[in-house]
Amino acid sequence: MRPVPAPELVRDYHRWMGGVDIHDQLRMQRYSIQGGYKSRKYYKTLFLGLLDMALVNAFIVFRHHRNVNNQRPAKHFAFFETLVEQLLAIDSP
């Protein structure tokens, strides 16, 4: 049996699939905004889903940045706690 060359598209899929799995796992954890709020309005569900994706992507980038700089990796909850504190402090004098 001889090996069949795989198209580059298939190789790229297999190379980057792990990132999608990590994103999905983080979104399904207990810190999901969309999972904690149910609505019959599709636009609210869509907005919360997009917000969830943006927050998870921000956490993944933040964690990667800390790894590159040889810092301890941040915990998911600690990241969200800090993010909420900073967002609430935007308007405060």
PDB file of N, CA and C in Angstrom:
ATOM      1  N   MET A   1       0.844  -1.170   0.000  1.00  0.00           N
ATOM      2  CA  MET A   1       0.000   0.000   0.000  1.00  0.00           C
ATOM      3  C   MET A   1       0.896   1.242   0.000  1.00  0.00           C
ATOM      4  N   ARG A   2       0.634   2.181  -0.875  1.00  0.00           N
ATOM      5  CA  ARG A   2       1.456   3.383  -0.922  1.00  0.00           C
ATOM      6  C   ARG A   2       0.655   4.573  -0.392  1.00  0.00           C
ATOM      7  N   PRO A   3       1.335   5.517   0.233  1.00  0.00           N
ATOM      8  CA  PRO A   3       0.627   6.679   0.788  1.00  0.00           C
ATOM      9  C   PRO A   3       0.073   7.576  -0.318  1.00  0.00           C
ATOM     10  N   VAL A   4      -1.087   8.140  -0.046  1.00  0.00           N
ATOM     11  CA  VAL A   4      -1.737   9.057  -0.979  1.00  0.00           C
ATOM     12  C   VAL A   4      -1.485  10.474  -0.472  1.00  0.00           C
ATOM     13  N   PRO A   5      -0.987  11.370  -1.322  1.00  0.00           N
ATOM     14  CA  PRO A   5      -0.737  12.733  -0.860  1.00  0.00           C
ATOM     15  C   PRO A   5      -2.051  13.449  -0.530  1.00  0.00           C
ATOM     16  N   ALA A   6      -2.049  14.118   0.605  1.00  0.00           N
ATOM     17  CA  ALA A   6      -3.248  14.842   1.033  1.00  0.00           C
ATOM     18  C   ALA A   6      -3.215  16.264   0.473  1.00  0.00           C
ATOM     19  N   PRO A   7      -4.364  16.783   0.069  1.00  0.00           N
ATOM     20  CA  PRO A   7      -4.405  18.173  -0.382  1.00  0.00           C
ATOM     21  C   PRO A   7      -4.017  19.117   0.765  1.00  0.00           C
ATOM     22  N   GLU A   8      -3.497  20.272   0.412  1.00  0.00           N
ATOM     23  CA  GLU A   8      -3.056  21.221   1.433  1.00  0.00           C
ATOM     24  C   GLU A   8      -4.213  21.664   2.324  1.00  0.00           C
ATOM     25  N   LEU A   9      -5.402  21.750   1.767  1.00  0.00           N
ATOM     26  CA  LEU A   9      -6.575  22.130   2.546  1.00  0.00           C
ATOM     27  C   LEU A   9      -6.801  21.157   3.704  1.00  0.00           C
ATOM     28  N   VAL A  10      -6.652  19.883   3.462  1.00  0.00           N
ATOM     29  CA  VAL A  10      -6.835  18.865   4.503  1.00  0.00           C
ATOM     30  C   VAL A  10      -5.741  18.985   5.558  1.00  0.00           C
ATOM     31  N   ARG A  11      -4.502  19.215   5.117  1.00  0.00           N
ATOM     32  CA  ARG A  11      -3.403  19.377   6.081  1.00  0.00           C
ATOM     33  C   ARG A  11      -3.620  20.602   6.959  1.00  0.00           C
ATOM     34  N   ASP A  12      -4.080  21.715   6.355  1.00  0.00           N
ATOM     35  CA  ASP A  12      -4.364  22.919   7.142  1.00  0.00           C
ATOM     36  C   ASP A  12      -5.478  22.665   8.147  1.00  0.00           C
ATOM     37  N   TYR A  13      -6.505  21.950   7.719  1.00  0.00           N
ATOM     38  CA  TYR A  13      -7.615  21.630   8.618  1.00  0.00           C
ATOM     39  C   TYR A  13      -7.112  20.870   9.844  1.00  0.00           C
ATOM     40  N   HIS A  14      -6.320  19.850   9.625  1.00  0.00           N
ATOM     41  CA  HIS A  14      -5.815  19.044  10.737  1.00  0.00           C
ATOM     42  C   HIS A  14      -4.845  19.830  11.612  1.00  0.00           C
ATOM     43  N   ARG A  15      -4.085  20.736  11.007  1.00  0.00           N
ATOM     44  CA  ARG A  15      -3.114  21.513  11.772  1.00  0.00           C
ATOM     45  C   ARG A  15      -3.807  22.508  12.711  1.00  0.00           C
ATOM     46  N   TRP A  16      -4.913  23.122  12.295  1.00  0.00           N
ATOM     47  CA  TRP A  16      -5.559  24.172  13.085  1.00  0.00           C
ATOM     48  C   TRP A  16      -6.804  23.705  13.833  1.00  0.00           C
ATOM     49  N   MET A  17      -7.207  22.473  13.685  1.00  0.00           N
ATOM     50  CA  MET A  17      -8.420  21.981  14.339  1.00  0.00           C
ATOM     51  C   MET A  17      -8.334  22.053  15.852  1.00  0.00           C
ATOM     52  N   GLY A  18      -7.167  21.898  16.429  1.00  0.00           N
ATOM     53  CA  GLY A  18      -7.016  21.964  17.880  1.00  0.00           C
ATOM     54  C   GLY A  18      -7.445  23.300  18.451  1.00  0.00           C
ATOM     55  N   GLY A  19      -7.200  24.393  17.732  1.00  0.00           N
ATOM     56  CA  GLY A  19      -7.613  25.719  18.189  1.00  0.00           C
ATOM     57  C   GLY A  19      -9.120  25.847  18.268  1.00  0.00           C
ATOM     58  N   VAL A  20      -9.816  25.268  17.311  1.00  0.00           N
ATOM     59  CA  VAL A  20     -11.277  25.300  17.323  1.00  0.00           C
ATOM     60  C   VAL A  20     -11.800  24.490  18.505  1.00  0.00           C
ATOM     61  N   ASP A  21     -11.193  23.347  18.769  1.00  0.00           N
ATOM     62  CA  ASP A  21     -11.611  22.527  19.906  1.00  0.00           C
ATOM     63  C   ASP A  21     -11.442  23.281  21.219  1.00  0.00           C
ATOM     64  N   ILE A  22     -10.332  23.975  21.384  1.00  0.00           N
ATOM     65  CA  ILE A  22     -10.098  24.746  22.610  1.00  0.00           C
ATOM     66  C   ILE A  22     -11.147  25.835  22.746  1.00  0.00           C
ATOM     67  N   HIS A  23     -11.448  26.527  21.641  1.00  0.00           N
ATOM     68  CA  HIS A  23     -12.451  27.594  21.673  1.00  0.00           C
ATOM     69  C   HIS A  23     -13.813  27.037  22.081  1.00  0.00           C
ATOM     70  N   ASP A  24     -14.201  25.921  21.482  1.00  0.00           N
ATOM     71  CA  ASP A  24     -15.491  25.309  21.817  1.00  0.00           C
ATOM     72  C   ASP A  24     -15.543  24.869  23.274  1.00  0.00           C
ATOM     73  N   GLN A  25     -14.467  24.292  23.778  1.00  0.00           N
ATOM     74  CA  GLN A  25     -14.436  23.855  25.173  1.00  0.00           C
ATOM     75  C   GLN A  25     -14.572  25.042  26.115  1.00  0.00           C
ATOM     76  N   LEU A  26     -13.876  26.127  25.826  1.00  0.00           N
ATOM     77  CA  LEU A  26     -13.952  27.302  26.691  1.00  0.00           C
ATOM     78  C   LEU A  26     -15.333  27.944  26.640  1.00  0.00           C
ATOM     79  N   ARG A  27     -15.975  27.921  25.475  1.00  0.00           N
ATOM     80  CA  ARG A  27     -17.311  28.508  25.364  1.00  0.00           C
ATOM     81  C   ARG A  27     -18.359  27.707  26.116  1.00  0.00           C
ATOM     82  N   MET A  28     -18.164  26.418  26.237  1.00  0.00           N
ATOM     83  CA  MET A  28     -19.152  25.567  26.886  1.00  0.00           C
ATOM     84  C   MET A  28     -18.956  25.485  28.399  1.00  0.00           C
ATOM     85  N   GLN A  29     -17.968  26.156  28.925  1.00  0.00           N
ATOM     86  CA  GLN A  29     -17.755  26.137  30.368  1.00  0.00           C
ATOM     87  C   GLN A  29     -18.799  26.997  31.062  1.00  0.00           C
ATOM     88  N   ARG A  30     -18.720  27.057  32.360  1.00  0.00           N
ATOM     89  CA  ARG A  30     -19.752  27.738  33.141  1.00  0.00           C
ATOM     90  C   ARG A  30     -19.707  29.256  33.048  1.00  0.00           C
ATOM     91  N   TYR A  31     -18.701  29.829  32.379  1.00  0.00           N
ATOM     92  CA  TYR A  31     -18.597  31.284  32.285  1.00  0.00           C
ATOM     93  C   TYR A  31     -19.231  31.829  31.014  1.00  0.00           C
ATOM     94  N   SER A  32     -20.066  31.061  30.371  1.00  0.00           N
ATOM     95  CA  SER A  32     -20.704  31.475  29.124  1.00  0.00           C
ATOM     96  C   SER A  32     -21.852  32.432  29.412  1.00  0.00           C
ATOM     97  N   ILE A  33     -21.859  33.560  28.729  1.00  0.00           N
ATOM     98  CA  ILE A  33     -22.945  34.530  28.883  1.00  0.00           C
ATOM     99  C   ILE A  33     -24.190  34.021  28.174  1.00  0.00           C
ATOM    100  N   GLN A  34     -24.004  33.484  26.980  1.00  0.00           N
ATOM    101  CA  GLN A  34     -25.133  33.004  26.199  1.00  0.00           C
ATOM    102  C   GLN A  34     -25.844  31.851  26.898  1.00  0.00           C
ATOM    103  N   GLY A  35     -25.091  30.973  27.537  1.00  0.00           N
ATOM    104  CA  GLY A  35     -25.689  29.831  28.214  1.00  0.00           C
ATOM    105  C   GLY A  35     -26.482  30.214  29.454  1.00  0.00           C
ATOM    106  N   GLY A  36     -26.158  31.344  30.057  1.00  0.00           N
ATOM    107  CA  GLY A  36     -26.835  31.770  31.276  1.00  0.00           C
ATOM    108  C   GLY A  36     -28.053  32.634  31.041  1.00  0.00           C
ATOM    109  N   TYR A  37     -28.327  32.966  29.803  1.00  0.00           N
ATOM    110  CA  TYR A  37     -29.432  33.865  29.492  1.00  0.00           C
ATOM    111  C   TYR A  37     -30.226  33.293  28.329  1.00  0.00           C
ATOM    112  N   LYS A  38     -31.492  33.027  28.538  1.00  0.00           N
ATOM    113  CA  LYS A  38     -32.343  32.483  27.478  1.00  0.00           C
ATOM    114  C   LYS A  38     -33.281  33.582  26.977  1.00  0.00           C
ATOM    115  N   SER A  39     -33.458  33.642  25.676  1.00  0.00           N
ATOM    116  CA  SER A  39     -34.335  34.643  25.087  1.00  0.00           C
ATOM    117  C   SER A  39     -35.036  34.051  23.874  1.00  0.00           C
ATOM    118  N   ARG A  40     -36.231  34.524  23.621  1.00  0.00           N
ATOM    119  CA  ARG A  40     -36.959  34.091  22.429  1.00  0.00           C
ATOM    120  C   ARG A  40     -36.596  34.950  21.223  1.00  0.00           C
ATOM    121  N   LYS A  41     -35.998  36.088  21.481  1.00  0.00           N
ATOM    122  CA  LYS A  41     -35.611  36.992  20.394  1.00  0.00           C
ATOM    123  C   LYS A  41     -34.291  36.521  19.798  1.00  0.00           C
ATOM    124  N   TYR A  42     -34.292  36.274  18.503  1.00  0.00           N
ATOM    125  CA  TYR A  42     -33.093  35.727  17.861  1.00  0.00           C
ATOM    126  C   TYR A  42     -31.922  36.696  17.923  1.00  0.00           C
ATOM    127  N   TYR A  43     -32.197  38.004  17.843  1.00  0.00           N
ATOM    128  CA  TYR A  43     -31.099  38.966  17.813  1.00  0.00           C
ATOM    129  C   TYR A  43     -30.385  39.061  19.162  1.00  0.00           C
ATOM    130  N   LYS A  44     -31.109  38.820  20.256  1.00  0.00           N
ATOM    131  CA  LYS A  44     -30.455  38.810  21.571  1.00  0.00           C
ATOM    132  C   LYS A  44     -29.549  37.581  21.704  1.00  0.00           C
ATOM    133  N   THR A  45     -30.056  36.434  21.270  1.00  0.00           N
ATOM    134  CA  THR A  45     -29.264  35.208  21.307  1.00  0.00           C
ATOM    135  C   THR A  45     -28.038  35.338  20.413  1.00  0.00           C
ATOM    136  N   LEU A  46     -28.214  35.923  19.235  1.00  0.00           N
ATOM    137  CA  LEU A  46     -27.097  36.131  18.312  1.00  0.00           C
ATOM    138  C   LEU A  46     -26.052  37.064  18.921  1.00  0.00           C
ATOM    139  N   PHE A  47     -26.507  38.167  19.517  1.00  0.00           N
ATOM    140  CA  PHE A  47     -25.580  39.117  20.136  1.00  0.00           C
ATOM    141  C   PHE A  47     -24.792  38.469  21.270  1.00  0.00           C
ATOM    142  N   LEU A  48     -25.483  37.740  22.134  1.00  0.00           N
ATOM    143  CA  LEU A  48     -24.798  37.094  23.257  1.00  0.00           C
ATOM    144  C   LEU A  48     -23.829  36.021  22.771  1.00  0.00           C
ATOM    145  N   GLY A  49     -24.180  35.321  21.706  1.00  0.00           N
ATOM    146  CA  GLY A  49     -23.267  34.332  21.136  1.00  0.00           C
ATOM    147  C   GLY A  49     -22.014  34.982  20.579  1.00  0.00           C
ATOM    148  N   LEU A  50     -22.181  36.094  19.871  1.00  0.00           N
ATOM    149  CA  LEU A  50     -21.021  36.816  19.331  1.00  0.00           C
ATOM    150  C   LEU A  50     -20.168  37.403  20.451  1.00  0.00           C
ATOM    151  N   LEU A  51     -20.821  37.903  21.500  1.00  0.00           N
ATOM    152  CA  LEU A  51     -20.086  38.431  22.651  1.00  0.00           C
ATOM    153  C   LEU A  51     -19.297  37.319  23.335  1.00  0.00           C
ATOM    154  N   ASP A  52     -19.913  36.164  23.492  1.00  0.00           N
ATOM    155  CA  ASP A  52     -19.219  35.002  24.062  1.00  0.00           C
ATOM    156  C   ASP A  52     -17.981  34.638  23.246  1.00  0.00           C
ATOM    157  N   MET A  53     -18.150  34.598  21.929  1.00  0.00           N
ATOM    158  CA  MET A  53     -17.011  34.257  21.065  1.00  0.00           C
ATOM    159  C   MET A  53     -15.891  35.281  21.195  1.00  0.00           C
ATOM    160  N   ALA A  54     -16.250  36.560  21.255  1.00  0.00           N
ATOM    161  CA  ALA A  54     -15.233  37.605  21.387  1.00  0.00           C
ATOM    162  C   ALA A  54     -14.494  37.487  22.714  1.00  0.00           C
ATOM    163  N   LEU A  55     -15.221  37.201  23.795  1.00  0.00           N
ATOM    164  CA  LEU A  55     -14.581  37.069  25.107  1.00  0.00           C
ATOM    165  C   LEU A  55     -13.661  35.855  25.162  1.00  0.00           C
ATOM    166  N   VAL A  56     -14.086  34.753  24.581  1.00  0.00           N
ATOM    167  CA  VAL A  56     -13.242  33.555  24.569  1.00  0.00           C
ATOM    168  C   VAL A  56     -12.000  33.789  23.716  1.00  0.00           C
ATOM    169  N   ASN A  57     -12.172  34.443  22.563  1.00  0.00           N
ATOM    170  CA  ASN A  57     -11.010  34.750  21.726  1.00  0.00           C
ATOM    171  C   ASN A  57     -10.038  35.667  22.460  1.00  0.00           C
ATOM    172  N   ALA A  58     -10.567  36.656  23.189  1.00  0.00           N
ATOM    173  CA  ALA A  58      -9.701  37.555  23.962  1.00  0.00           C
ATOM    174  C   ALA A  58      -8.931  36.774  25.020  1.00  0.00           C
ATOM    175  N   PHE A  59      -9.586  35.819  25.670  1.00  0.00           N
ATOM    176  CA  PHE A  59      -8.903  35.007  26.680  1.00  0.00           C
ATOM    177  C   PHE A  59      -7.810  34.149  26.048  1.00  0.00           C
ATOM    178  N   ILE A  60      -8.083  33.567  24.896  1.00  0.00           N
ATOM    179  CA  ILE A  60      -7.085  32.732  24.221  1.00  0.00           C
ATOM    180  C   ILE A  60      -5.865  33.566  23.834  1.00  0.00           C
ATOM    181  N   VAL A  61      -6.096  34.772  23.305  1.00  0.00           N
ATOM    182  CA  VAL A  61      -4.983  35.650  22.934  1.00  0.00           C
ATOM    183  C   VAL A  61      -4.215  36.081  24.178  1.00  0.00           C
ATOM    184  N   PHE A  62      -4.936  36.424  25.252  1.00  0.00           N
ATOM    185  CA  PHE A  62      -4.300  36.835  26.507  1.00  0.00           C
ATOM    186  C   PHE A  62      -3.438  35.711  27.073  1.00  0.00           C
ATOM    187  N   ARG A  63      -3.964  34.503  27.065  1.00  0.00           N
ATOM    188  CA  ARG A  63      -3.217  33.356  27.584  1.00  0.00           C
ATOM    189  C   ARG A  63      -1.977  33.074  26.731  1.00  0.00           C
ATOM    190  N   HIS A  64      -2.114  33.192  25.418  1.00  0.00           N
ATOM    191  CA  HIS A  64      -0.963  32.992  24.530  1.00  0.00           C
ATOM    192  C   HIS A  64       0.104  34.060  24.782  1.00  0.00           C
ATOM    193  N   HIS A  65      -0.327  35.299  24.972  1.00  0.00           N
ATOM    194  CA  HIS A  65       0.612  36.396  25.238  1.00  0.00           C
ATOM    195  C   HIS A  65       1.384  36.146  26.534  1.00  0.00           C
ATOM    196  N   ARG A  66       0.702  35.663  27.552  1.00  0.00           N
ATOM    197  CA  ARG A  66       1.378  35.364  28.823  1.00  0.00           C
ATOM    198  C   ARG A  66       2.360  34.209  28.666  1.00  0.00           C
ATOM    199  N   ASN A  67       2.008  33.209  27.877  1.00  0.00           N
ATOM    200  CA  ASN A  67       2.924  32.085  27.641  1.00  0.00           C
ATOM    201  C   ASN A  67       4.174  32.530  26.898  1.00  0.00           C
ATOM    202  N   VAL A  68       4.007  33.414  25.914  1.00  0.00           N
ATOM    203  CA  VAL A  68       5.149  33.910  25.145  1.00  0.00           C
ATOM    204  C   VAL A  68       6.098  34.695  26.045  1.00  0.00           C
ATOM    205  N   ASN A  69       5.547  35.431  27.005  1.00  0.00           N
ATOM    206  CA  ASN A  69       6.357  36.252  27.911  1.00  0.00           C
ATOM    207  C   ASN A  69       6.793  35.493  29.162  1.00  0.00           C
ATOM    208  N   ASN A  70       6.654  34.179  29.162  1.00  0.00           N
ATOM    209  CA  ASN A  70       7.066  33.315  30.279  1.00  0.00           C
ATOM    210  C   ASN A  70       6.428  33.709  31.608  1.00  0.00           C
ATOM    211  N   GLN A  71       5.162  34.094  31.556  1.00  0.00           N
ATOM    212  CA  GLN A  71       4.406  34.390  32.768  1.00  0.00           C
ATOM    213  C   GLN A  71       3.482  33.216  33.057  1.00  0.00           C
ATOM    214  N   ARG A  72       3.040  33.134  34.311  1.00  0.00           N
ATOM    215  CA  ARG A  72       2.096  32.073  34.672  1.00  0.00           C
ATOM    216  C   ARG A  72       0.819  32.220  33.865  1.00  0.00           C
ATOM    217  N   PRO A  73       0.272  31.129  33.352  1.00  0.00           N
ATOM    218  CA  PRO A  73      -0.979  31.245  32.597  1.00  0.00           C
ATOM    219  C   PRO A  73      -2.125  31.673  33.507  1.00  0.00           C
ATOM    220  N   ALA A  74      -2.980  32.529  32.987  1.00  0.00           N
ATOM    221  CA  ALA A  74      -4.109  33.038  33.761  1.00  0.00           C
ATOM    222  C   ALA A  74      -5.243  32.020  33.769  1.00  0.00           C
ATOM    223  N   LYS A  75      -6.009  32.032  34.826  1.00  0.00           N
ATOM    224  CA  LYS A  75      -7.202  31.191  34.912  1.00  0.00           C
ATOM    225  C   LYS A  75      -8.351  31.902  34.199  1.00  0.00           C
ATOM    226  N   HIS A  76      -9.265  31.119  33.678  1.00  0.00           N
ATOM    227  CA  HIS A  76     -10.396  31.650  32.925  1.00  0.00           C
ATOM    228  C   HIS A  76     -11.228  32.606  33.788  1.00  0.00           C
ATOM    229  N   PHE A  77     -11.544  32.196  35.001  1.00  0.00           N
ATOM    230  CA  PHE A  77     -12.367  33.032  35.876  1.00  0.00           C
ATOM    231  C   PHE A  77     -11.643  34.317  36.247  1.00  0.00           C
ATOM    232  N   ALA A  78     -10.350  34.233  36.540  1.00  0.00           N
ATOM    233  CA  ALA A  78      -9.579  35.426  36.910  1.00  0.00           C
ATOM    234  C   ALA A  78      -9.542  36.422  35.752  1.00  0.00           C
ATOM    235  N   PHE A  79      -9.442  35.918  34.529  1.00  0.00           N
ATOM    236  CA  PHE A  79      -9.451  36.801  33.357  1.00  0.00           C
ATOM    237  C   PHE A  79     -10.777  37.545  33.266  1.00  0.00           C
ATOM    238  N   PHE A  80     -11.900  36.832  33.395  1.00  0.00           N
ATOM    239  CA  PHE A  80     -13.207  37.477  33.304  1.00  0.00           C
ATOM    240  C   PHE A  80     -13.442  38.439  34.461  1.00  0.00           C
ATOM    241  N   GLU A  81     -12.988  38.086  35.627  1.00  0.00           N
ATOM    242  CA  GLU A  81     -13.139  38.967  36.785  1.00  0.00           C
ATOM    243  C   GLU A  81     -12.400  40.289  36.549  1.00  0.00           C
ATOM    244  N   THR A  82     -11.178  40.209  36.061  1.00  0.00           N
ATOM    245  CA  THR A  82     -10.397  41.409  35.759  1.00  0.00           C
ATOM    246  C   THR A  82     -11.044  42.213  34.641  1.00  0.00           C
ATOM    247  N   LEU A  83     -11.539  41.536  33.624  1.00  0.00           N
ATOM    248  CA  LEU A  83     -12.195  42.211  32.509  1.00  0.00           C
ATOM    249  C   LEU A  83     -13.426  42.979  32.977  1.00  0.00           C
ATOM    250  N   VAL A  84     -14.248  42.362  33.808  1.00  0.00           N
ATOM    251  CA  VAL A  84     -15.452  43.021  34.319  1.00  0.00           C
ATOM    252  C   VAL A  84     -15.078  44.231  35.165  1.00  0.00           C
ATOM    253  N   GLU A  85     -14.074  44.096  36.025  1.00  0.00           N
ATOM    254  CA  GLU A  85     -13.635  45.226  36.846  1.00  0.00           C
ATOM    255  C   GLU A  85     -13.175  46.389  35.975  1.00  0.00           C
ATOM    256  N   GLN A  86     -12.431  46.096  34.921  1.00  0.00           N
ATOM    257  CA  GLN A  86     -11.942  47.156  34.045  1.00  0.00           C
ATOM    258  C   GLN A  86     -13.074  47.796  33.252  1.00  0.00           C
ATOM    259  N   LEU A  87     -14.033  47.002  32.806  1.00  0.00           N
ATOM    260  CA  LEU A  87     -15.164  47.567  32.072  1.00  0.00           C
ATOM    261  C   LEU A  87     -16.041  48.433  32.973  1.00  0.00           C
ATOM    262  N   LEU A  88     -16.220  48.036  34.216  1.00  0.00           N
ATOM    263  CA  LEU A  88     -17.024  48.829  35.145  1.00  0.00           C
ATOM    264  C   LEU A  88     -16.317  50.107  35.565  1.00  0.00           C
ATOM    265  N   ALA A  89     -15.009  50.138  35.502  1.00  0.00           N
ATOM    266  CA  ALA A  89     -14.239  51.314  35.915  1.00  0.00           C
ATOM    267  C   ALA A  89     -14.073  52.329  34.788  1.00  0.00           C
ATOM    268  N   ILE A  90     -14.593  52.059  33.611  1.00  0.00           N
ATOM    269  CA  ILE A  90     -14.404  52.970  32.478  1.00  0.00           C
ATOM    270  C   ILE A  90     -15.016  54.332  32.753  1.00  0.00           C
ATOM    271  N   ASP A  91     -16.235  54.388  33.259  1.00  0.00           N
ATOM    272  CA  ASP A  91     -16.919  55.664  33.489  1.00  0.00           C
ATOM    273  C   ASP A  91     -16.672  56.257  34.863  1.00  0.00           C
ATOM    274  N   SER A  92     -16.102  55.507  35.756  1.00  0.00           N
ATOM    275  CA  SER A  92     -15.927  56.030  37.111  1.00  0.00           C
ATOM    276  C   SER A  92     -14.830  57.094  37.124  1.00  0.00           C
ATOM    277  N   PRO A  93     -15.025  58.136  37.949  1.00  0.00           N
ATOM    278  CA  PRO A  93     -14.046  59.245  37.986  1.00  0.00           C
ATOM    279  C   PRO A  93     -12.734  58.858  38.617  1.00  0.00           C
TER     280      PRO A  93
END
